[in-house]
N, C-alpha and C. Protein backbone atom coordinates (compact mmCIF):
# COMPACT_ATOMS: atom_id res chain seq x y z
N UNK A 1 0.76 -1.23 -0.02
CA UNK A 1 -0.06 0.04 0.01
C UNK A 1 0.91 1.19 -0.01
N UNK A 2 0.70 2.15 -0.73
CA UNK A 2 1.76 3.26 -0.97
C UNK A 2 0.95 4.52 -0.31
N UNK A 3 1.49 4.62 0.98
CA UNK A 3 1.05 5.78 1.71
C UNK A 3 2.07 6.82 1.47
N UNK A 4 1.53 8.12 1.08
CA UNK A 4 2.63 9.15 0.91
C UNK A 4 3.69 9.44 2.10
N UNK A 5 4.93 9.49 1.70
CA UNK A 5 5.90 9.74 2.73
C UNK A 5 5.67 10.68 3.83
N UNK A 6 5.12 11.61 3.54
CA UNK A 6 4.83 12.82 4.64
C UNK A 6 3.68 12.42 5.68
N UNK A 7 3.10 11.02 5.29
CA UNK A 7 2.21 10.72 6.27
C UNK A 7 2.56 9.54 7.23
N UNK A 8 3.77 9.01 6.76
CA UNK A 8 4.45 7.84 7.38
C UNK A 8 4.38 7.94 8.94
N UNK A 9 3.90 6.90 9.55
CA UNK A 9 3.84 6.76 10.92
C UNK A 9 3.73 5.29 11.17
N UNK A 10 4.72 4.68 12.24
CA UNK A 10 4.76 3.16 12.44
C UNK A 10 4.55 3.05 14.04
N UNK A 11 4.11 1.61 14.18
CA UNK A 11 4.08 1.60 15.63
C UNK A 11 5.46 1.40 16.47
N UNK A 12 5.71 1.89 17.49
CA UNK A 12 6.91 2.05 18.09
C UNK A 12 7.14 0.78 18.83
N UNK A 13 8.28 0.14 19.38
CA UNK A 13 8.43 -0.91 20.32
C UNK A 13 7.91 -0.65 21.54
N UNK A 14 8.15 0.59 21.91
CA UNK A 14 7.61 0.96 23.40
C UNK A 14 6.34 1.18 23.37
N UNK A 15 5.32 1.63 22.26
CA UNK A 15 3.90 1.54 22.36
C UNK A 15 3.62 0.02 22.33
N UNK A 16 4.12 -0.68 21.43
CA UNK A 16 3.94 -2.26 21.55
C UNK A 16 3.91 -2.83 22.99
N UNK A 17 5.20 -2.77 23.65
CA UNK A 17 5.35 -3.38 24.74
C UNK A 17 4.35 -2.86 25.71
N UNK A 18 3.93 -1.58 25.84
CA UNK A 18 2.99 -1.05 26.81
C UNK A 18 1.73 -1.34 26.71
N UNK A 19 1.10 -1.56 25.38
CA UNK A 19 -0.19 -2.11 25.05
C UNK A 19 -0.12 -3.61 25.22
N UNK A 20 0.78 -4.35 25.05
CA UNK A 20 0.85 -5.61 25.27
C UNK A 20 0.76 -6.13 26.92
N UNK A 21 1.24 -5.27 27.43
CA UNK A 21 1.31 -5.49 28.82
C UNK A 21 -0.13 -5.08 29.34
N UNK A 22 -0.68 -3.88 28.94
CA UNK A 22 -2.00 -3.58 29.65
C UNK A 22 -3.04 -4.50 29.10
N UNK A 23 -2.83 -5.11 27.82
CA UNK A 23 -3.97 -6.07 27.41
C UNK A 23 -3.68 -7.56 27.79
N UNK A 24 -2.53 -7.82 28.23
CA UNK A 24 -2.23 -9.18 28.49
C UNK A 24 -2.03 -10.12 27.30
N UNK A 25 -1.51 -9.49 26.40
CA UNK A 25 -1.25 -10.26 24.95
C UNK A 25 0.19 -10.36 24.81
N UNK A 26 0.65 -11.31 23.86
CA UNK A 26 2.05 -11.65 23.58
C UNK A 26 2.53 -10.65 22.85
N UNK A 27 3.89 -10.41 22.99
CA UNK A 27 4.69 -9.49 21.95
C UNK A 27 5.94 -10.11 21.84
N UNK A 28 6.59 -10.40 20.67
CA UNK A 28 7.83 -11.01 20.44
C UNK A 28 8.20 -10.44 19.23
N UNK A 29 9.55 -10.45 18.94
CA UNK A 29 10.14 -10.22 17.44
C UNK A 29 9.90 -10.83 16.25
N UNK A 30 9.13 -12.12 16.40
CA UNK A 30 8.82 -12.62 15.33
C UNK A 30 7.48 -12.34 15.09
N UNK A 31 6.64 -11.51 15.61
CA UNK A 31 5.46 -11.05 15.34
C UNK A 31 5.58 -9.77 14.54
N UNK A 32 5.60 -9.77 13.08
CA UNK A 32 5.97 -8.88 12.42
C UNK A 32 5.01 -7.68 12.35
N UNK A 33 3.76 -7.83 12.16
CA UNK A 33 2.71 -6.99 12.32
C UNK A 33 1.90 -6.92 13.65
N UNK A 34 2.45 -6.99 14.75
CA UNK A 34 1.83 -7.07 16.06
C UNK A 34 0.50 -6.57 16.17
N UNK A 35 0.25 -5.13 15.74
CA UNK A 35 -0.81 -4.57 15.79
C UNK A 35 -2.04 -5.06 15.17
N UNK A 36 -1.64 -5.91 14.14
CA UNK A 36 -2.79 -6.64 13.34
C UNK A 36 -3.03 -8.04 13.84
N UNK A 37 -1.79 -8.56 14.39
CA UNK A 37 -1.92 -9.91 14.72
C UNK A 37 -2.81 -10.08 16.07
N UNK A 38 -2.87 -9.01 16.96
CA UNK A 38 -3.70 -9.28 18.19
C UNK A 38 -5.00 -8.50 18.07
N UNK A 39 -5.38 -8.33 16.80
CA UNK A 39 -6.73 -7.77 16.55
C UNK A 39 -7.74 -8.84 16.75
N UNK A 40 -8.88 -8.52 17.41
CA UNK A 40 -9.78 -9.57 17.83
C UNK A 40 -11.14 -9.09 18.02
N UNK A 41 -12.01 -9.30 17.10
CA UNK A 41 -13.42 -8.64 17.10
C UNK A 41 -14.06 -8.78 18.35
N UNK A 42 -13.72 -9.82 19.13
CA UNK A 42 -14.43 -10.14 20.52
C UNK A 42 -13.66 -9.08 21.56
N UNK A 43 -12.74 -8.43 21.43
CA UNK A 43 -12.20 -7.54 22.33
C UNK A 43 -12.42 -6.11 21.87
N UNK A 44 -13.23 -5.79 20.95
CA UNK A 44 -13.38 -4.54 20.31
C UNK A 44 -13.69 -3.43 21.66
N UNK A 45 -14.74 -4.01 22.36
CA UNK A 45 -15.03 -3.14 23.49
C UNK A 45 -14.09 -2.96 24.55
N UNK A 46 -12.98 -3.81 24.78
CA UNK A 46 -11.90 -3.61 25.46
C UNK A 46 -10.86 -2.69 24.89
N UNK A 47 -10.57 -2.65 23.58
CA UNK A 47 -9.84 -1.81 22.94
C UNK A 47 -10.25 -0.41 22.99
N UNK A 48 -11.53 -0.33 22.75
CA UNK A 48 -12.25 1.10 22.60
C UNK A 48 -12.17 1.87 24.06
N UNK A 49 -12.36 1.02 25.06
CA UNK A 49 -12.33 1.59 26.41
C UNK A 49 -10.97 1.90 26.77
N UNK A 50 -9.94 1.32 26.38
CA UNK A 50 -8.42 1.54 26.52
C UNK A 50 -8.13 2.80 25.76
N UNK A 51 -8.59 2.83 24.47
CA UNK A 51 -8.11 4.09 23.72
C UNK A 51 -8.90 5.26 24.38
N UNK A 52 -10.21 5.25 24.59
CA UNK A 52 -11.02 6.19 25.30
C UNK A 52 -10.32 6.78 26.57
N UNK A 53 -10.12 5.66 27.42
CA UNK A 53 -9.96 6.13 28.92
C UNK A 53 -8.67 5.80 29.49
N UNK A 54 -7.78 5.26 28.59
CA UNK A 54 -6.46 4.68 28.96
C UNK A 54 -5.22 5.70 29.25
N UNK A 55 -5.39 6.90 29.13
CA UNK A 55 -4.25 7.87 29.34
C UNK A 55 -3.11 7.50 28.53
N UNK A 56 -3.39 7.31 27.31
CA UNK A 56 -2.28 6.75 26.38
C UNK A 56 -1.61 7.75 25.67
N UNK A 57 -0.32 7.43 25.32
CA UNK A 57 0.67 8.51 24.56
C UNK A 57 0.06 8.36 23.06
N UNK A 58 0.40 9.40 22.19
CA UNK A 58 0.05 9.24 20.93
C UNK A 58 0.56 8.03 20.29
N UNK A 59 1.73 7.54 20.45
CA UNK A 59 2.13 6.31 19.86
C UNK A 59 1.45 5.08 20.21
N UNK A 60 1.17 5.11 21.35
CA UNK A 60 0.09 4.04 21.81
C UNK A 60 -1.48 4.18 21.40
N UNK A 61 -1.85 5.46 21.23
CA UNK A 61 -3.10 5.61 20.54
C UNK A 61 -2.96 5.33 19.09
N UNK A 62 -2.04 5.69 18.45
CA UNK A 62 -1.98 5.07 17.04
C UNK A 62 -1.77 3.68 16.77
N UNK A 63 -0.97 3.09 17.61
CA UNK A 63 -0.87 1.63 17.57
C UNK A 63 -2.07 0.89 17.80
N UNK A 64 -2.75 1.49 18.90
CA UNK A 64 -4.14 0.67 19.23
C UNK A 64 -5.26 0.82 18.19
N UNK A 65 -5.24 2.20 17.59
CA UNK A 65 -6.05 2.29 16.36
C UNK A 65 -5.95 1.43 15.40
N UNK A 66 -4.65 0.96 15.14
CA UNK A 66 -4.55 -0.15 14.00
C UNK A 66 -5.16 -1.17 14.50
N UNK A 67 -5.04 -1.75 15.72
CA UNK A 67 -5.58 -2.89 16.20
C UNK A 67 -7.12 -2.76 16.11
N UNK A 68 -7.70 -1.72 16.38
CA UNK A 68 -9.14 -1.46 16.41
C UNK A 68 -9.59 -1.48 15.02
N UNK A 69 -9.04 -0.81 14.12
CA UNK A 69 -9.36 -1.06 12.52
C UNK A 69 -9.43 -2.47 12.27
N UNK A 70 -8.44 -3.19 12.33
CA UNK A 70 -8.31 -4.59 12.00
C UNK A 70 -9.17 -5.24 12.58
N UNK A 71 -9.71 -5.15 13.80
CA UNK A 71 -10.64 -5.77 14.45
C UNK A 71 -12.11 -5.63 13.92
N UNK A 72 -12.34 -4.28 13.49
CA UNK A 72 -13.44 -4.26 12.95
C UNK A 72 -13.53 -4.75 11.49
N UNK A 73 -12.43 -4.80 10.62
CA UNK A 73 -12.16 -5.27 9.47
C UNK A 73 -12.63 -6.76 9.45
N UNK A 74 -12.27 -7.55 10.93
CA UNK A 74 -12.51 -9.05 11.10
C UNK A 74 -14.04 -9.26 11.62
N UNK A 75 -14.81 -8.28 11.86
CA UNK A 75 -15.94 -8.37 12.49
C UNK A 75 -16.87 -8.84 11.49
N UNK A 76 -17.73 -9.73 11.76
CA UNK A 76 -18.82 -10.40 10.87
C UNK A 76 -20.08 -9.76 11.13
N UNK A 77 -20.07 -8.27 11.05
CA UNK A 77 -21.34 -7.60 11.22
C UNK A 77 -21.45 -6.29 10.46
N UNK A 78 -22.59 -5.69 10.39
CA UNK A 78 -22.79 -4.79 9.45
C UNK A 78 -22.10 -3.39 10.32
N UNK A 79 -21.13 -2.82 9.59
CA UNK A 79 -20.37 -1.68 10.39
C UNK A 79 -21.34 -0.45 10.50
N UNK A 80 -22.03 -0.32 9.42
CA UNK A 80 -22.84 0.96 9.46
C UNK A 80 -23.86 1.16 10.64
N UNK A 81 -24.30 0.03 11.22
CA UNK A 81 -25.28 0.03 12.47
C UNK A 81 -24.56 -0.14 13.71
N UNK A 82 -23.21 -0.22 13.60
CA UNK A 82 -22.48 -0.39 14.75
C UNK A 82 -22.20 0.85 15.48
N UNK A 83 -22.74 1.34 16.57
CA UNK A 83 -22.39 2.69 17.08
C UNK A 83 -20.91 2.60 17.57
N UNK A 84 -20.28 1.47 17.96
CA UNK A 84 -18.81 1.60 18.17
C UNK A 84 -18.10 2.12 16.92
N UNK A 85 -18.22 1.53 15.86
CA UNK A 85 -17.63 1.92 14.54
C UNK A 85 -17.83 3.38 14.16
N UNK A 86 -19.08 3.91 14.60
CA UNK A 86 -19.34 5.25 14.47
C UNK A 86 -18.46 6.31 15.39
N UNK A 87 -18.45 5.67 16.49
CA UNK A 87 -17.44 6.42 17.58
C UNK A 87 -15.96 6.49 16.88
N UNK A 88 -15.29 5.26 16.48
CA UNK A 88 -14.23 5.19 15.81
C UNK A 88 -14.03 6.20 14.66
N UNK A 89 -14.85 6.33 13.86
CA UNK A 89 -14.86 7.07 12.66
C UNK A 89 -14.78 8.67 13.36
N UNK A 90 -15.53 8.89 14.33
CA UNK A 90 -15.48 10.34 14.80
C UNK A 90 -14.21 10.66 15.35
N UNK A 91 -13.43 9.52 16.08
CA UNK A 91 -11.89 9.78 16.61
C UNK A 91 -11.14 9.87 15.37
N UNK A 92 -11.32 9.22 14.51
CA UNK A 92 -10.25 9.42 13.30
C UNK A 92 -10.42 10.69 12.68
N UNK A 93 -11.63 10.96 12.61
CA UNK A 93 -11.99 12.50 11.76
C UNK A 93 -11.53 13.54 12.71
N UNK A 94 -11.51 13.38 14.06
CA UNK A 94 -11.05 14.54 14.98
C UNK A 94 -9.50 14.63 15.01
N UNK A 95 -8.90 13.41 15.21
CA UNK A 95 -7.49 13.15 15.24
C UNK A 95 -6.67 12.77 13.99
N UNK A 96 -7.33 13.40 12.76
CA UNK A 96 -6.73 13.04 11.53
C UNK A 96 -5.29 13.19 11.44
N UNK A 97 -4.35 13.99 12.18
CA UNK A 97 -2.97 14.17 11.85
C UNK A 97 -2.34 12.91 12.54
N UNK A 98 -2.85 12.54 13.68
CA UNK A 98 -2.39 11.42 14.45
C UNK A 98 -2.61 10.14 13.57
N UNK A 99 -3.72 9.79 13.02
CA UNK A 99 -4.00 8.70 12.42
C UNK A 99 -4.04 8.81 10.79
N UNK A 100 -3.32 9.82 10.32
CA UNK A 100 -3.32 10.09 8.72
C UNK A 100 -2.72 8.79 8.03
N UNK A 101 -1.70 8.29 8.57
CA UNK A 101 -1.16 6.97 8.01
C UNK A 101 -2.24 5.95 7.80
N UNK A 102 -2.72 5.73 8.98
CA UNK A 102 -3.84 4.54 8.98
C UNK A 102 -4.91 4.89 8.08
N UNK A 103 -5.48 6.11 8.09
CA UNK A 103 -6.68 6.32 7.23
C UNK A 103 -6.17 6.25 5.82
N UNK A 104 -4.94 6.77 5.46
CA UNK A 104 -4.65 6.57 4.07
C UNK A 104 -4.47 5.16 3.78
N UNK A 105 -3.83 4.47 4.48
CA UNK A 105 -3.58 2.98 4.11
C UNK A 105 -4.85 2.29 4.00
N UNK A 106 -5.75 2.34 5.08
CA UNK A 106 -7.09 1.52 4.84
C UNK A 106 -8.02 1.89 4.01
N UNK A 107 -7.76 3.23 3.37
CA UNK A 107 -8.55 3.86 2.34
C UNK A 107 -8.37 2.91 1.00
N UNK A 108 -7.26 2.44 1.13
CA UNK A 108 -6.84 1.71 -0.29
C UNK A 108 -7.06 2.19 -1.50
N UNK A 109 -6.58 3.53 -1.61
CA UNK A 109 -7.18 4.35 -2.82
C UNK A 109 -6.39 3.88 -4.05
N UNK A 110 -5.47 3.07 -4.07
CA UNK A 110 -4.98 2.51 -5.34
C UNK A 110 -5.99 1.37 -6.11
N UNK A 111 -6.54 0.82 -5.19
CA UNK A 111 -7.63 -0.03 -5.70
C UNK A 111 -8.83 0.49 -6.17
N UNK A 112 -9.28 0.54 -7.56
CA UNK A 112 -10.50 1.08 -7.91
C UNK A 112 -11.74 0.26 -7.93
N UNK A 113 -11.44 -0.93 -7.59
CA UNK A 113 -12.62 -1.93 -7.31
C UNK A 113 -13.00 -2.08 -5.69
N UNK A 114 -14.18 -1.52 -5.48
CA UNK A 114 -14.61 -1.66 -4.00
C UNK A 114 -14.74 -3.21 -3.74
N UNK A 115 -14.92 -4.13 -4.66
CA UNK A 115 -15.32 -5.28 -4.32
C UNK A 115 -13.79 -6.14 -3.92
N UNK A 116 -12.94 -5.47 -4.15
CA UNK A 116 -11.47 -5.92 -3.67
C UNK A 116 -10.83 -5.11 -2.59
N UNK A 117 -11.51 -4.07 -2.05
CA UNK A 117 -10.93 -3.50 -0.92
C UNK A 117 -11.49 -4.05 0.33
N UNK A 118 -10.75 -3.47 1.41
CA UNK A 118 -11.32 -3.87 2.66
C UNK A 118 -12.68 -3.36 2.97
N UNK A 119 -13.39 -4.09 4.06
CA UNK A 119 -14.69 -3.52 4.39
C UNK A 119 -14.63 -2.15 4.99
N UNK A 120 -13.41 -1.75 5.63
CA UNK A 120 -13.35 -0.29 6.12
C UNK A 120 -13.02 0.71 5.04
N UNK A 121 -12.61 0.32 3.88
CA UNK A 121 -11.99 1.29 2.94
C UNK A 121 -12.94 2.39 2.48
N UNK A 122 -14.39 2.11 2.29
CA UNK A 122 -15.16 3.33 1.95
C UNK A 122 -15.20 4.19 2.79
N UNK A 123 -15.20 3.88 4.28
CA UNK A 123 -15.23 4.96 5.41
C UNK A 123 -14.11 5.79 5.39
N UNK A 124 -12.94 4.91 5.24
CA UNK A 124 -11.65 5.83 5.22
C UNK A 124 -11.47 6.76 3.99
N UNK A 125 -11.97 6.54 2.89
CA UNK A 125 -12.02 7.13 1.79
C UNK A 125 -13.04 8.42 2.07
N UNK A 126 -13.89 8.47 2.78
CA UNK A 126 -14.85 9.32 3.04
C UNK A 126 -13.90 10.51 4.10
N UNK A 127 -13.08 9.98 4.85
CA UNK A 127 -12.33 10.63 5.86
C UNK A 127 -11.20 11.40 4.96
N UNK A 128 -10.56 10.67 3.94
CA UNK A 128 -9.58 11.32 3.14
C UNK A 128 -10.08 12.40 2.32
N UNK A 129 -11.38 12.26 1.73
CA UNK A 129 -11.95 13.23 1.11
C UNK A 129 -12.24 14.51 1.88
N UNK A 130 -12.62 14.44 3.06
CA UNK A 130 -13.09 15.55 4.12
C UNK A 130 -11.81 16.24 4.37
N UNK A 131 -10.77 15.55 4.45
CA UNK A 131 -9.38 16.14 4.88
C UNK A 131 -8.47 16.29 3.94
N UNK A 132 -8.73 16.16 2.42
CA UNK A 132 -7.69 16.21 1.42
C UNK A 132 -6.72 17.26 1.57
N UNK A 133 -7.07 18.45 2.01
CA UNK A 133 -6.02 19.50 1.85
C UNK A 133 -5.09 19.36 3.08
N UNK A 134 -5.58 18.64 4.20
CA UNK A 134 -4.42 18.27 5.13
C UNK A 134 -3.57 17.12 4.81
N UNK A 135 -4.36 16.13 4.16
CA UNK A 135 -3.60 14.94 3.98
C UNK A 135 -2.60 15.00 2.84
N UNK A 136 -3.18 15.80 1.71
CA UNK A 136 -2.53 15.79 0.55
C UNK A 136 -2.12 17.33 0.09
N UNK A 137 -1.56 18.00 0.84
CA UNK A 137 -1.37 19.56 0.75
C UNK A 137 -0.72 19.98 -0.58
N UNK A 138 0.12 19.04 -1.15
CA UNK A 138 0.91 19.30 -2.46
C UNK A 138 -0.12 19.41 -3.41
N UNK A 139 -1.16 18.76 -3.36
CA UNK A 139 -2.32 18.83 -4.32
C UNK A 139 -2.98 20.25 -4.58
N UNK A 140 -3.03 20.82 -3.34
CA UNK A 140 -3.66 22.08 -3.23
C UNK A 140 -3.00 23.36 -3.13
N UNK A 141 -1.59 23.16 -3.51
CA UNK A 141 -0.74 24.43 -3.62
C UNK A 141 -0.94 25.27 -4.87
């Protein structure tokens, strides 16, 4: 997935270690994409509570949001009618700078066929469109 370099942000080792400790999940070097590997639709409420009330650093919030997005991607339910998903979209919209990399990545803008995109892609594309001048300033110069 081609995320513009000015939006790059990645989970840090400290954020992963802290979240793993708080969530009681493993973390070790062989877990290449830890934030996605620990995603679990059955733990969405726990993840959301930690995100909302956990006193997290920006790095922890960024990393946990990746887990939340993957968990919703894996959830076998209609996202549109899930109030938890609507809350996540509001957080992303409000904290677009913090989550710009995730929003762009999950929007899957390179893929023109929605049938081949992730379930969350259409929602992320709406956020990209709403914040295009902030996410893609070079296109508006």
